[in-house]
Amino acid sequence: MLPVASERREGYQRTSFRHWTDQDRDGCSTRTEVLLEEAVTLPQVGPCCRLAGGSWYSYYDDQTVHDPAQLDVDHMVSVPATQI
């Protein structure tokens, strides 16, 4: 039921959206929590929830990333298995 179309980025500005809140007020932003959840090798969590070390696997280009600053955390839309 979800339409599939080519990406259209005109009009989009990332700065228009509130960025990386700490919804549960545990000191870690949503971005950091996603990185912790998705880590292949868990990083150390320092003061202010700063990450050091760790590794992440990129499904998009089949590479392992060791620097969380090199990663974007974006929304993904799941597709029911019946549509694959």
PDB file of N, CA and C in Angstrom:
ATOM      1  N   MET A   1       0.820  -1.192   0.000  1.00  0.00           N
ATOM      2  CA  MET A   1       0.000   0.000   0.000  1.00  0.00           C
ATOM      3  C   MET A   1       0.867   1.260   0.000  1.00  0.00           C
ATOM      4  N   LEU A   2       2.142   1.120   0.326  1.00  0.00           N
ATOM      5  CA  LEU A   2       3.039   2.258   0.354  1.00  0.00           C
ATOM      6  C   LEU A   2       3.556   2.519  -1.053  1.00  0.00           C
ATOM      7  N   PRO A   3       3.331   3.710  -1.587  1.00  0.00           N
ATOM      8  CA  PRO A   3       3.799   3.987  -2.949  1.00  0.00           C
ATOM      9  C   PRO A   3       5.332   4.033  -3.003  1.00  0.00           C
ATOM     10  N   VAL A   4       5.891   3.560  -4.083  1.00  0.00           N
ATOM     11  CA  VAL A   4       7.327   3.583  -4.298  1.00  0.00           C
ATOM     12  C   VAL A   4       7.615   4.602  -5.381  1.00  0.00           C
ATOM     13  N   ALA A   5       8.564   5.494  -5.129  1.00  0.00           N
ATOM     14  CA  ALA A   5       8.888   6.546  -6.087  1.00  0.00           C
ATOM     15  C   ALA A   5      10.357   6.915  -5.943  1.00  0.00           C
ATOM     16  N   SER A   6      10.873   7.585  -6.928  1.00  0.00           N
ATOM     17  CA  SER A   6      12.236   8.087  -6.861  1.00  0.00           C
ATOM     18  C   SER A   6      12.316   9.173  -5.787  1.00  0.00           C
ATOM     19  N   GLU A   7      13.477   9.264  -5.162  1.00  0.00           N
ATOM     20  CA  GLU A   7      13.676  10.265  -4.124  1.00  0.00           C
ATOM     21  C   GLU A   7      13.598  11.671  -4.711  1.00  0.00           C
ATOM     22  N   ARG A   8      12.905  12.551  -3.992  1.00  0.00           N
ATOM     23  CA  ARG A   8      12.832  13.969  -4.358  1.00  0.00           C
ATOM     24  C   ARG A   8      13.218  14.769  -3.129  1.00  0.00           C
ATOM     25  N   ARG A   9      14.325  15.490  -3.213  1.00  0.00           N
ATOM     26  CA  ARG A   9      14.845  16.198  -2.044  1.00  0.00           C
ATOM     27  C   ARG A   9      14.573  17.694  -2.070  1.00  0.00           C
ATOM     28  N   GLU A  10      14.004  18.227  -3.135  1.00  0.00           N
ATOM     29  CA  GLU A  10      13.774  19.665  -3.164  1.00  0.00           C
ATOM     30  C   GLU A  10      12.810  20.051  -2.035  1.00  0.00           C
ATOM     31  N   GLY A  11      13.164  21.139  -1.381  1.00  0.00           N
ATOM     32  CA  GLY A  11      12.343  21.625  -0.279  1.00  0.00           C
ATOM     33  C   GLY A  11      12.730  21.057   1.079  1.00  0.00           C
ATOM     34  N   TYR A  12      13.488  19.964   1.097  1.00  0.00           N
ATOM     35  CA  TYR A  12      13.895  19.358   2.366  1.00  0.00           C
ATOM     36  C   TYR A  12      15.092  20.089   2.951  1.00  0.00           C
ATOM     37  N   GLN A  13      15.004  20.415   4.223  1.00  0.00           N
ATOM     38  CA  GLN A  13      16.135  20.997   4.947  1.00  0.00           C
ATOM     39  C   GLN A  13      16.197  20.319   6.307  1.00  0.00           C
ATOM     40  N   ARG A  14      17.283  19.625   6.568  1.00  0.00           N
ATOM     41  CA  ARG A  14      17.434  18.900   7.825  1.00  0.00           C
ATOM     42  C   ARG A  14      17.276  19.836   9.023  1.00  0.00           C
ATOM     43  N   THR A  15      17.696  21.071   8.875  1.00  0.00           N
ATOM     44  CA  THR A  15      17.618  22.032   9.972  1.00  0.00           C
ATOM     45  C   THR A  15      16.182  22.397  10.342  1.00  0.00           C
ATOM     46  N   SER A  16      15.213  22.007   9.522  1.00  0.00           N
ATOM     47  CA  SER A  16      13.810  22.298   9.819  1.00  0.00           C
ATOM     48  C   SER A  16      13.239  21.371  10.886  1.00  0.00           C
ATOM     49  N   PHE A  17      13.988  20.355  11.259  1.00  0.00           N
ATOM     50  CA  PHE A  17      13.484  19.355  12.192  1.00  0.00           C
ATOM     51  C   PHE A  17      14.270  19.415  13.497  1.00  0.00           C
ATOM     52  N   ARG A  18      13.560  19.301  14.599  1.00  0.00           N
ATOM     53  CA  ARG A  18      14.218  19.293  15.905  1.00  0.00           C
ATOM     54  C   ARG A  18      15.184  18.124  15.937  1.00  0.00           C
ATOM     55  N   HIS A  19      16.368  18.388  16.431  1.00  0.00           N
ATOM     56  CA  HIS A  19      17.429  17.405  16.257  1.00  0.00           C
ATOM     57  C   HIS A  19      17.862  16.756  17.568  1.00  0.00           C
ATOM     58  N   TRP A  20      17.862  15.477  17.603  1.00  0.00           N
ATOM     59  CA  TRP A  20      18.446  14.622  18.631  1.00  0.00           C
ATOM     60  C   TRP A  20      18.128  15.034  20.063  1.00  0.00           C
ATOM     61  N   THR A  21      16.898  14.800  20.418  1.00  0.00           N
ATOM     62  CA  THR A  21      16.475  15.074  21.785  1.00  0.00           C
ATOM     63  C   THR A  21      16.848  13.905  22.694  1.00  0.00           C
ATOM     64  N   ASP A  22      16.777  14.125  23.970  1.00  0.00           N
ATOM     65  CA  ASP A  22      16.977  13.085  24.978  1.00  0.00           C
ATOM     66  C   ASP A  22      15.607  12.816  25.592  1.00  0.00           C
ATOM     67  N   GLN A  23      14.788  12.106  24.861  1.00  0.00           N
ATOM     68  CA  GLN A  23      13.390  11.918  25.224  1.00  0.00           C
ATOM     69  C   GLN A  23      13.207  11.296  26.610  1.00  0.00           C
ATOM     70  N   ASP A  24      14.040  10.312  26.949  1.00  0.00           N
ATOM     71  CA  ASP A  24      13.877   9.657  28.247  1.00  0.00           C
ATOM     72  C   ASP A  24      14.730  10.294  29.353  1.00  0.00           C
ATOM     73  N   ARG A  25      15.439  11.366  29.002  1.00  0.00           N
ATOM     74  CA  ARG A  25      16.229  12.159  29.949  1.00  0.00           C
ATOM     75  C   ARG A  25      17.253  11.341  30.731  1.00  0.00           C
ATOM     76  N   ASP A  26      17.905  10.421  30.019  1.00  0.00           N
ATOM     77  CA  ASP A  26      18.936   9.614  30.666  1.00  0.00           C
ATOM     78  C   ASP A  26      20.346  10.124  30.356  1.00  0.00           C
ATOM     79  N   GLY A  27      20.439  11.258  29.662  1.00  0.00           N
ATOM     80  CA  GLY A  27      21.734  11.839  29.334  1.00  0.00           C
ATOM     81  C   GLY A  27      22.237  11.503  27.951  1.00  0.00           C
ATOM     82  N   CYS A  28      21.573  10.576  27.259  1.00  0.00           N
ATOM     83  CA  CYS A  28      21.975  10.177  25.900  1.00  0.00           C
ATOM     84  C   CYS A  28      20.904  10.618  24.902  1.00  0.00           C
ATOM     85  N   SER A  29      21.338  11.230  23.801  1.00  0.00           N
ATOM     86  CA  SER A  29      20.385  11.630  22.765  1.00  0.00           C
ATOM     87  C   SER A  29      19.846  10.392  22.056  1.00  0.00           C
ATOM     88  N   THR A  30      18.776  10.571  21.336  1.00  0.00           N
ATOM     89  CA  THR A  30      18.200   9.473  20.564  1.00  0.00           C
ATOM     90  C   THR A  30      19.219   8.916  19.586  1.00  0.00           C
ATOM     91  N   ARG A  31      20.021   9.776  18.959  1.00  0.00           N
ATOM     92  CA  ARG A  31      21.049   9.312  18.021  1.00  0.00           C
ATOM     93  C   ARG A  31      22.022   8.373  18.716  1.00  0.00           C
ATOM     94  N   THR A  32      22.497   8.758  19.902  1.00  0.00           N
ATOM     95  CA  THR A  32      23.444   7.929  20.638  1.00  0.00           C
ATOM     96  C   THR A  32      22.807   6.606  21.042  1.00  0.00           C
ATOM     97  N   GLU A  33      21.563   6.642  21.449  1.00  0.00           N
ATOM     98  CA  GLU A  33      20.877   5.407  21.831  1.00  0.00           C
ATOM     99  C   GLU A  33      20.730   4.459  20.644  1.00  0.00           C
ATOM    100  N   VAL A  34      20.454   5.009  19.468  1.00  0.00           N
ATOM    101  CA  VAL A  34      20.378   4.175  18.265  1.00  0.00           C
ATOM    102  C   VAL A  34      21.749   3.573  17.964  1.00  0.00           C
ATOM    103  N   LEU A  35      22.806   4.379  18.066  1.00  0.00           N
ATOM    104  CA  LEU A  35      24.160   3.869  17.820  1.00  0.00           C
ATOM    105  C   LEU A  35      24.518   2.764  18.807  1.00  0.00           C
ATOM    106  N   LEU A  36      24.160   2.917  20.064  1.00  0.00           N
ATOM    107  CA  LEU A  36      24.424   1.868  21.051  1.00  0.00           C
ATOM    108  C   LEU A  36      23.654   0.591  20.717  1.00  0.00           C
ATOM    109  N   GLU A  37      22.418   0.747  20.309  1.00  0.00           N
ATOM    110  CA  GLU A  37      21.573  -0.411  19.976  1.00  0.00           C
ATOM    111  C   GLU A  37      22.076  -1.152  18.742  1.00  0.00           C
ATOM    112  N   GLU A  38      22.586  -0.405  17.772  1.00  0.00           N
ATOM    113  CA  GLU A  38      22.979  -0.994  16.493  1.00  0.00           C
ATOM    114  C   GLU A  38      24.457  -1.398  16.427  1.00  0.00           C
ATOM    115  N   ALA A  39      25.224  -1.143  17.472  1.00  0.00           N
ATOM    116  CA  ALA A  39      26.658  -1.443  17.450  1.00  0.00           C
ATOM    117  C   ALA A  39      26.910  -2.940  17.322  1.00  0.00           C
ATOM    118  N   VAL A  40      27.882  -3.287  16.490  1.00  0.00           N
ATOM    119  CA  VAL A  40      28.344  -4.668  16.379  1.00  0.00           C
ATOM    120  C   VAL A  40      29.298  -4.936  17.540  1.00  0.00           C
ATOM    121  N   THR A  41      30.188  -3.987  17.810  1.00  0.00           N
ATOM    122  CA  THR A  41      31.072  -4.009  18.967  1.00  0.00           C
ATOM    123  C   THR A  41      30.711  -2.785  19.798  1.00  0.00           C
ATOM    124  N   LEU A  42      30.293  -2.981  21.027  1.00  0.00           N
ATOM    125  CA  LEU A  42      29.833  -1.866  21.847  1.00  0.00           C
ATOM    126  C   LEU A  42      30.951  -0.868  22.130  1.00  0.00           C
ATOM    127  N   PRO A  43      30.652   0.412  21.983  1.00  0.00           N
ATOM    128  CA  PRO A  43      31.630   1.442  22.328  1.00  0.00           C
ATOM    129  C   PRO A  43      31.616   1.695  23.830  1.00  0.00           C
ATOM    130  N   GLN A  44      32.646   2.366  24.313  1.00  0.00           N
ATOM    131  CA  GLN A  44      32.651   2.846  25.689  1.00  0.00           C
ATOM    132  C   GLN A  44      31.817   4.116  25.720  1.00  0.00           C
ATOM    133  N   VAL A  45      31.075   4.307  26.790  1.00  0.00           N
ATOM    134  CA  VAL A  45      30.236   5.496  26.948  1.00  0.00           C
ATOM    135  C   VAL A  45      30.874   6.377  28.008  1.00  0.00           C
ATOM    136  N   GLY A  46      31.315   7.568  27.587  1.00  0.00           N
ATOM    137  CA  GLY A  46      31.992   8.491  28.485  1.00  0.00           C
ATOM    138  C   GLY A  46      31.063   9.563  29.020  1.00  0.00           C
ATOM    139  N   PRO A  47      31.641  10.584  29.623  1.00  0.00           N
ATOM    140  CA  PRO A  47      30.847  11.704  30.141  1.00  0.00           C
ATOM    141  C   PRO A  47      29.990  12.327  29.041  1.00  0.00           C
ATOM    142  N   CYS A  48      28.814  12.771  29.417  1.00  0.00           N
ATOM    143  CA  CYS A  48      27.849  13.368  28.481  1.00  0.00           C
ATOM    144  C   CYS A  48      27.462  12.385  27.373  1.00  0.00           C
ATOM    145  N   CYS A  49      27.578  11.101  27.660  1.00  0.00           N
ATOM    146  CA  CYS A  49      27.183  10.032  26.738  1.00  0.00           C
ATOM    147  C   CYS A  49      28.015  10.046  25.445  1.00  0.00           C
ATOM    148  N   ARG A  50      29.256  10.475  25.543  1.00  0.00           N
ATOM    149  CA  ARG A  50      30.158  10.498  24.392  1.00  0.00           C
ATOM    150  C   ARG A  50      30.680   9.088  24.131  1.00  0.00           C
ATOM    151  N   LEU A  51      30.612   8.654  22.858  1.00  0.00           N
ATOM    152  CA  LEU A  51      31.024   7.298  22.493  1.00  0.00           C
ATOM    153  C   LEU A  51      32.484   7.258  22.075  1.00  0.00           C
ATOM    154  N   ALA A  52      33.178   6.192  22.484  1.00  0.00           N
ATOM    155  CA  ALA A  52      34.562   5.965  22.077  1.00  0.00           C
ATOM    156  C   ALA A  52      34.706   4.498  21.712  1.00  0.00           C
ATOM    157  N   GLY A  53      35.343   4.251  20.571  1.00  0.00           N
ATOM    158  CA  GLY A  53      35.506   2.876  20.118  1.00  0.00           C
ATOM    159  C   GLY A  53      34.215   2.345  19.536  1.00  0.00           C
ATOM    160  N   GLY A  54      34.117   1.052  19.451  1.00  0.00           N
ATOM    161  CA  GLY A  54      32.933   0.414  18.905  1.00  0.00           C
ATOM    162  C   GLY A  54      33.014   0.260  17.401  1.00  0.00           C
ATOM    163  N   SER A  55      32.083  -0.505  16.856  1.00  0.00           N
ATOM    164  CA  SER A  55      31.995  -0.661  15.404  1.00  0.00           C
ATOM    165  C   SER A  55      30.547  -0.889  15.010  1.00  0.00           C
ATOM    166  N   TRP A  56      30.235  -0.506  13.771  1.00  0.00           N
ATOM    167  CA  TRP A  56      28.893  -0.614  13.221  1.00  0.00           C
ATOM    168  C   TRP A  56      28.987  -1.176  11.810  1.00  0.00           C
ATOM    169  N   TYR A  57      28.007  -1.977  11.443  1.00  0.00           N
ATOM    170  CA  TYR A  57      27.982  -2.552  10.102  1.00  0.00           C
ATOM    171  C   TYR A  57      27.001  -1.761   9.241  1.00  0.00           C
ATOM    172  N   SER A  58      27.454  -1.334   8.075  1.00  0.00           N
ATOM    173  CA  SER A  58      26.608  -0.600   7.140  1.00  0.00           C
ATOM    174  C   SER A  58      25.996  -1.570   6.134  1.00  0.00           C
ATOM    175  N   TYR A  59      24.691  -1.746   6.212  1.00  0.00           N
ATOM    176  CA  TYR A  59      23.983  -2.619   5.283  1.00  0.00           C
ATOM    177  C   TYR A  59      23.982  -2.038   3.870  1.00  0.00           C
ATOM    178  N   TYR A  60      24.126  -0.736   3.764  1.00  0.00           N
ATOM    179  CA  TYR A  60      24.024  -0.067   2.479  1.00  0.00           C
ATOM    180  C   TYR A  60      25.229  -0.312   1.584  1.00  0.00           C
ATOM    181  N   ASP A  61      26.418  -0.397   2.174  1.00  0.00           N
ATOM    182  CA  ASP A  61      27.613  -0.585   1.344  1.00  0.00           C
ATOM    183  C   ASP A  61      28.495  -1.732   1.815  1.00  0.00           C
ATOM    184  N   ASP A  62      27.965  -2.564   2.732  1.00  0.00           N
ATOM    185  CA  ASP A  62      28.662  -3.773   3.183  1.00  0.00           C
ATOM    186  C   ASP A  62      30.029  -3.445   3.780  1.00  0.00           C
ATOM    187  N   GLN A  63      30.082  -2.410   4.630  1.00  0.00           N
ATOM    188  CA  GLN A  63      31.338  -2.025   5.265  1.00  0.00           C
ATOM    189  C   GLN A  63      31.137  -1.876   6.767  1.00  0.00           C
ATOM    190  N   THR A  64      32.224  -2.066   7.495  1.00  0.00           N
ATOM    191  CA  THR A  64      32.208  -1.846   8.932  1.00  0.00           C
ATOM    192  C   THR A  64      32.793  -0.463   9.204  1.00  0.00           C
ATOM    193  N   VAL A  65      32.112   0.289  10.049  1.00  0.00           N
ATOM    194  CA  VAL A  65      32.506   1.657  10.382  1.00  0.00           C
ATOM    195  C   VAL A  65      32.944   1.685  11.843  1.00  0.00           C
ATOM    196  N   HIS A  66      34.064   2.335  12.127  1.00  0.00           N
ATOM    197  CA  HIS A  66      34.598   2.390  13.487  1.00  0.00           C
ATOM    198  C   HIS A  66      34.477   3.774  14.125  1.00  0.00           C
ATOM    199  N   ASP A  67      34.022   4.756  13.378  1.00  0.00           N
ATOM    200  CA  ASP A  67      33.883   6.115  13.903  1.00  0.00           C
ATOM    201  C   ASP A  67      32.416   6.521  13.834  1.00  0.00           C
ATOM    202  N   PRO A  68      31.743   6.666  14.981  1.00  0.00           N
ATOM    203  CA  PRO A  68      30.323   6.999  14.946  1.00  0.00           C
ATOM    204  C   PRO A  68      30.019   8.324  14.258  1.00  0.00           C
ATOM    205  N   ALA A  69      31.003   9.220  14.169  1.00  0.00           N
ATOM    206  CA  ALA A  69      30.797  10.495  13.477  1.00  0.00           C
ATOM    207  C   ALA A  69      30.610  10.282  11.980  1.00  0.00           C
ATOM    208  N   GLN A  70      31.007   9.121  11.476  1.00  0.00           N
ATOM    209  CA  GLN A  70      30.863   8.818  10.049  1.00  0.00           C
ATOM    210  C   GLN A  70      29.479   8.259   9.709  1.00  0.00           C
ATOM    211  N   LEU A  71      28.637   8.115  10.702  1.00  0.00           N
ATOM    212  CA  LEU A  71      27.328   7.493  10.499  1.00  0.00           C
ATOM    213  C   LEU A  71      26.197   8.507  10.587  1.00  0.00           C
ATOM    214  N   ASP A  72      25.224   8.352   9.714  1.00  0.00           N
ATOM    215  CA  ASP A  72      23.970   9.088   9.809  1.00  0.00           C
ATOM    216  C   ASP A  72      22.923   8.135  10.352  1.00  0.00           C
ATOM    217  N   VAL A  73      22.072   8.616  11.216  1.00  0.00           N
ATOM    218  CA  VAL A  73      20.964   7.827  11.730  1.00  0.00           C
ATOM    219  C   VAL A  73      19.711   8.395  11.091  1.00  0.00           C
ATOM    220  N   ASP A  74      19.051   7.584  10.291  1.00  0.00           N
ATOM    221  CA  ASP A  74      17.864   8.029   9.561  1.00  0.00           C
ATOM    222  C   ASP A  74      16.716   7.063   9.786  1.00  0.00           C
ATOM    223  N   HIS A  75      15.561   7.472   9.342  1.00  0.00           N
ATOM    224  CA  HIS A  75      14.379   6.620   9.412  1.00  0.00           C
ATOM    225  C   HIS A  75      14.438   5.578   8.311  1.00  0.00           C
ATOM    226  N   MET A  76      13.919   4.400   8.608  1.00  0.00           N
ATOM    227  CA  MET A  76      13.785   3.361   7.596  1.00  0.00           C
ATOM    228  C   MET A  76      12.325   2.938   7.572  1.00  0.00           C
ATOM    229  N   VAL A  77      11.835   2.600   6.399  1.00  0.00           N
ATOM    230  CA  VAL A  77      10.473   2.111   6.243  1.00  0.00           C
ATOM    231  C   VAL A  77      10.547   0.622   6.005  1.00  0.00           C
ATOM    232  N   SER A  78       9.933  -0.144   6.873  1.00  0.00           N
ATOM    233  CA  SER A  78       9.962  -1.598   6.697  1.00  0.00           C
ATOM    234  C   SER A  78       8.944  -2.008   5.637  1.00  0.00           C
ATOM    235  N   VAL A  79       9.269  -3.082   4.960  1.00  0.00           N
ATOM    236  CA  VAL A  79       8.395  -3.604   3.917  1.00  0.00           C
ATOM    237  C   VAL A  79       7.964  -5.007   4.325  1.00  0.00           C
ATOM    238  N   PRO A  80       6.663  -5.294   4.294  1.00  0.00           N
ATOM    239  CA  PRO A  80       6.224  -6.631   4.625  1.00  0.00           C
ATOM    240  C   PRO A  80       6.879  -7.672   3.717  1.00  0.00           C
ATOM    241  N   ALA A  81       7.206  -8.828   4.264  1.00  0.00           N
ATOM    242  CA  ALA A  81       7.875  -9.874   3.513  1.00  0.00           C
ATOM    243  C   ALA A  81       7.094 -10.275   2.261  1.00  0.00           C
ATOM    244  N   THR A  82       5.809 -10.098   2.279  1.00  0.00           N
ATOM    245  CA  THR A  82       4.991 -10.467   1.120  1.00  0.00           C
ATOM    246  C   THR A  82       5.243  -9.549  -0.059  1.00  0.00           C
ATOM    247  N   GLN A  83       5.880  -8.381   0.161  1.00  0.00           N
ATOM    248  CA  GLN A  83       6.137  -7.430  -0.919  1.00  0.00           C
ATOM    249  C   GLN A  83       7.575  -7.477  -1.421  1.00  0.00           C
ATOM    250  N   ILE A  84       8.368  -8.388  -0.863  1.00  0.00           N
ATOM    251  CA  ILE A  84       9.768  -8.475  -1.297  1.00  0.00           C
ATOM    252  C   ILE A  84       9.880  -9.400  -2.489  1.00  0.00           C
TER     253      ILE A  84
END
